[in-house]
Amino acid sequence: MDWADERRAVLRDALGIGVATGAYALSFGALGTAAGLSVTQTCATSVLMFTGASQYALVGILGAGGSPLAGAATAVLLGARNALYGLRLSQVLGVRGGWRLVAAQLVLDESSAMAVGRASPLGARLGFWATGLAVYLLWNLGTLLGALGAQALPDPRALGLDAAAPAAFLALMAPRLTGREPWLVASAAGLVAMASVPLVPAGVPVLLAALVAVVAGARPSRAARREERRGASAPGRREEARR
């Protein structure tokens, strides 16, 4: 594929992702106002935070009566993954000076995937910037339209929009459930969250579920444990061979 074809494909994919994300933002805008935020406050989260999972977590906890501190802690925890994306993207993008701040604001799941999935460095940089800008503009437009539209509804929750937040989390998590261990961790985290709902304030169950994932992630994977056992048994096998 020559550069003209690759550029066309990257821009087409970036626009498609931006449109889909913008449509998704309509529900966030409605949920933000339904959770008690003003239109300005709802839009400010999209302009400044600009990370969908964290924003949904924040308004979901506030809407359920949770404390702002629990909502903020959950949002920070979920947004921390973008820092890991940034470490990888810093080598791909090679931006310097003030552009690093602009690039940092556009680091998200979609722009990171578009950048690291390209074979050429030029395609990776175009994928990141095109996707990041398309999502940023259309996500904020969708948030504004959703927030304004919800003002005309007596109760946005009556339309089932409050189910959008957990549905969004499931959509983010589903592609990562590709093996037995991810399923076990997700199931354990879900059970801990559901069991703790009657016992702790709103928002805390999400943090406890995240703690389960952190503890599970700190353990060596099955492949690493298997490799470690092989390494430990190798000297014994060599000793037996010498005998």
Foldseek 3Di string as FASTA:
>chain_A
DDPVVLLVVLLVVLLVLLQVLLLLLLLLLLLQVLLPDALVVSLVCCQPVVAVLLSLQLSLLSSVVHDNVLSNVLSCVVVVVLVVLLVVCCVLQVDDDPVSVVLSSLRYDQLSCQQVVDDDSVSSNSNNVSNSVSNSVSSSVSSSNSNVVSVPPPHVCVVVSSVSNVVVVCVVCVVVPPDDLSVVLQVVLVVQLVVCVVPDRRSVSSVSSVVSVVVSVVDDDPVVVVVVVCVVCVVVVVVVVVD
